[in-house]
Amino acid sequence: MIERKDKFYKEFLENNLFYATIILNLNGASIAYNKSPQMGEADQIIKGFKNIKKWNTIQLMGEQYNIYIRENNRVYGQNEKHGCIVVKTKKAYIIGVYIKKLELLPRVSYMEKFCKTYEEEDIIKADEKEKFVF
């Protein structure tokens, strides 16, 4: 039987709005992913959110993205093939990568809902360390 936490992560990692999803704890350790982040990418995300106004590019899974929207807790990036949304919550960095030609709005709505649920979910701790890979 799948535990509640496992099911929660599995549903995010297997959603069909993103082709790649990653959740990193606030220290940059991988909590869950369906495509593995590469070495140094988590550090870049942590550093980027410290000075978000000057953050121009992000690298995810070996691909470079130009950041075109910066908000306090969220950035949007894109390259020639893909787009990405990176959200910093009180508990984690939540990342979704999608095929660029797809509409952005459903992905933004999904991320907002998931991030809110992630924040409210009592089974999820801020120092989460378990790895969920699907």
Protein backbone atom coordinates (compact mmCIF):
# COMPACT_ATOMS: atom_id res chain seq x y z
CA MET A 1 0.00 0.00 0.00
CA ILE A 2 1.31 3.44 -0.96
CA GLU A 3 1.71 5.81 1.97
CA ARG A 4 0.11 9.27 1.84
CA LYS A 5 3.44 11.07 1.44
CA ASP A 6 4.55 8.70 -1.32
CA LYS A 7 1.26 9.24 -3.15
CA PHE A 8 1.57 13.02 -2.80
CA TYR A 9 5.05 13.07 -4.36
CA LYS A 10 4.17 10.46 -6.99
CA GLU A 11 1.20 12.51 -8.23
CA PHE A 12 3.42 15.58 -8.66
CA LEU A 13 6.25 13.71 -10.35
CA GLU A 14 3.94 11.88 -12.73
CA ASN A 15 1.66 14.78 -13.68
CA ASN A 16 1.32 15.28 -17.44
CA LEU A 17 1.69 19.08 -17.46
CA PHE A 18 5.47 18.92 -17.01
CA TYR A 19 7.95 16.59 -18.60
CA ALA A 20 10.37 17.09 -15.72
CA THR A 21 9.71 17.92 -12.06
CA ILE A 22 12.08 18.39 -9.16
CA ILE A 23 11.67 19.24 -5.49
CA LEU A 24 14.73 20.39 -3.55
CA ASN A 25 14.83 21.14 0.15
CA LEU A 26 15.95 24.65 1.15
CA ASN A 27 19.53 23.42 1.53
CA GLY A 28 19.51 22.14 -2.06
CA ALA A 29 19.23 18.41 -1.40
CA SER A 30 16.99 16.47 -3.78
CA ILE A 31 13.73 15.40 -2.19
CA ALA A 32 11.91 14.16 -5.28
CA TYR A 33 12.41 14.17 -9.03
CA ASN A 34 11.51 12.39 -12.23
CA LYS A 35 14.57 13.76 -14.05
CA SER A 36 17.67 14.22 -11.95
CA PRO A 37 19.19 17.67 -11.45
CA GLN A 38 22.86 17.90 -12.31
CA MET A 39 25.65 18.79 -9.94
CA GLY A 40 25.73 22.46 -8.98
CA GLU A 41 22.23 23.28 -10.24
CA ALA A 42 20.69 23.32 -6.76
CA ASP A 43 23.38 25.73 -5.55
CA GLN A 44 22.62 28.01 -8.49
CA ILE A 45 18.93 28.06 -7.55
CA ILE A 46 19.65 28.87 -3.91
CA LYS A 47 22.05 31.64 -4.90
CA GLY A 48 19.63 32.97 -7.53
CA PHE A 49 16.80 33.44 -5.05
CA LYS A 50 19.12 35.40 -2.74
CA ASN A 51 19.51 38.08 -5.40
CA ILE A 52 16.52 37.49 -7.66
CA LYS A 53 16.63 40.91 -9.38
CA LYS A 54 20.04 40.16 -10.89
CA TRP A 55 19.31 36.54 -11.77
CA ASN A 56 19.34 36.22 -15.57
CA THR A 57 19.84 32.53 -16.37
CA ILE A 58 19.22 29.20 -14.74
CA GLN A 59 20.51 25.75 -15.61
CA LEU A 60 18.27 22.71 -15.11
CA MET A 61 19.15 19.16 -16.12
CA GLY A 62 22.01 20.48 -18.21
CA GLU A 63 19.92 23.01 -20.17
CA GLN A 64 20.33 26.78 -19.92
CA TYR A 65 17.20 28.94 -19.53
CA ASN A 66 16.89 32.71 -19.81
CA ILE A 67 14.79 34.10 -16.99
CA TYR A 68 12.10 36.40 -18.32
CA ILE A 69 9.89 36.91 -15.24
CA ARG A 70 11.15 37.37 -11.68
CA GLU A 71 8.85 37.58 -8.70
CA ASN A 72 9.68 37.36 -4.99
CA ASN A 73 9.28 33.61 -4.77
CA ARG A 74 9.08 32.52 -8.40
CA VAL A 75 10.95 32.72 -11.70
CA TYR A 76 9.97 31.77 -15.21
CA GLY A 77 12.58 30.82 -17.79
CA GLN A 78 12.75 29.52 -21.31
CA ASN A 79 15.13 28.40 -23.99
CA GLU A 80 14.45 27.37 -27.57
CA LYS A 81 12.71 24.09 -26.64
CA HIS A 82 11.51 24.31 -23.04
CA GLY A 83 10.11 26.57 -20.38
CA CYS A 84 10.53 26.29 -16.62
CA ILE A 85 8.85 27.50 -13.48
CA VAL A 86 10.83 27.57 -10.24
CA VAL A 87 8.99 28.39 -7.01
CA LYS A 88 10.54 28.88 -3.59
CA THR A 89 8.15 27.95 -0.79
CA LYS A 90 8.77 28.00 2.96
CA LYS A 91 9.69 24.32 2.76
CA ALA A 92 11.30 23.70 -0.64
CA TYR A 93 12.14 24.73 -4.19
CA ILE A 94 9.56 23.28 -6.57
CA ILE A 95 10.50 23.06 -10.24
CA GLY A 96 8.55 22.18 -13.35
CA VAL A 97 9.95 22.00 -16.89
CA TYR A 98 7.59 21.85 -19.85
CA ILE A 99 7.72 21.83 -23.64
CA LYS A 100 7.76 25.48 -24.70
CA LYS A 101 5.06 25.21 -27.36
CA LEU A 102 2.49 24.20 -24.70
CA GLU A 103 0.29 26.80 -23.04
CA LEU A 104 1.74 28.30 -19.85
CA LEU A 105 -1.46 29.09 -17.90
CA PRO A 106 -2.44 25.50 -16.91
CA ARG A 107 1.10 24.92 -15.67
CA VAL A 108 1.11 28.10 -13.59
CA SER A 109 -2.26 27.20 -12.07
CA TYR A 110 -1.09 23.68 -11.26
CA MET A 111 2.13 24.95 -9.65
CA GLU A 112 0.24 27.49 -7.54
CA LYS A 113 -2.13 24.82 -6.29
CA PHE A 114 0.61 22.26 -5.67
CA CYS A 115 2.86 24.76 -3.83
CA LYS A 116 -0.01 25.84 -1.60
CA THR A 117 -0.84 22.21 -0.78
CA TYR A 118 2.85 21.45 -0.20
CA GLU A 119 3.04 24.30 2.32
CA GLU A 120 -0.10 23.16 4.14
CA GLU A 121 0.63 19.42 4.12
CA ASP A 122 1.51 18.33 7.66
CA ILE A 123 3.35 15.20 6.49
CA ILE A 124 5.91 17.36 4.66
CA LYS A 125 8.67 18.85 6.81
CA ALA A 126 10.90 21.81 5.92
CA ASP A 127 14.02 19.67 6.27
CA GLU A 128 12.66 16.81 4.15
CA LYS A 129 15.48 14.50 3.06
CA GLU A 130 13.86 11.42 1.67
CA LYS A 131 14.27 10.75 -2.01
CA PHE A 132 11.28 9.99 -4.17
CA VAL A 133 12.20 9.10 -7.73
CA PHE A 134 9.59 8.09 -10.27
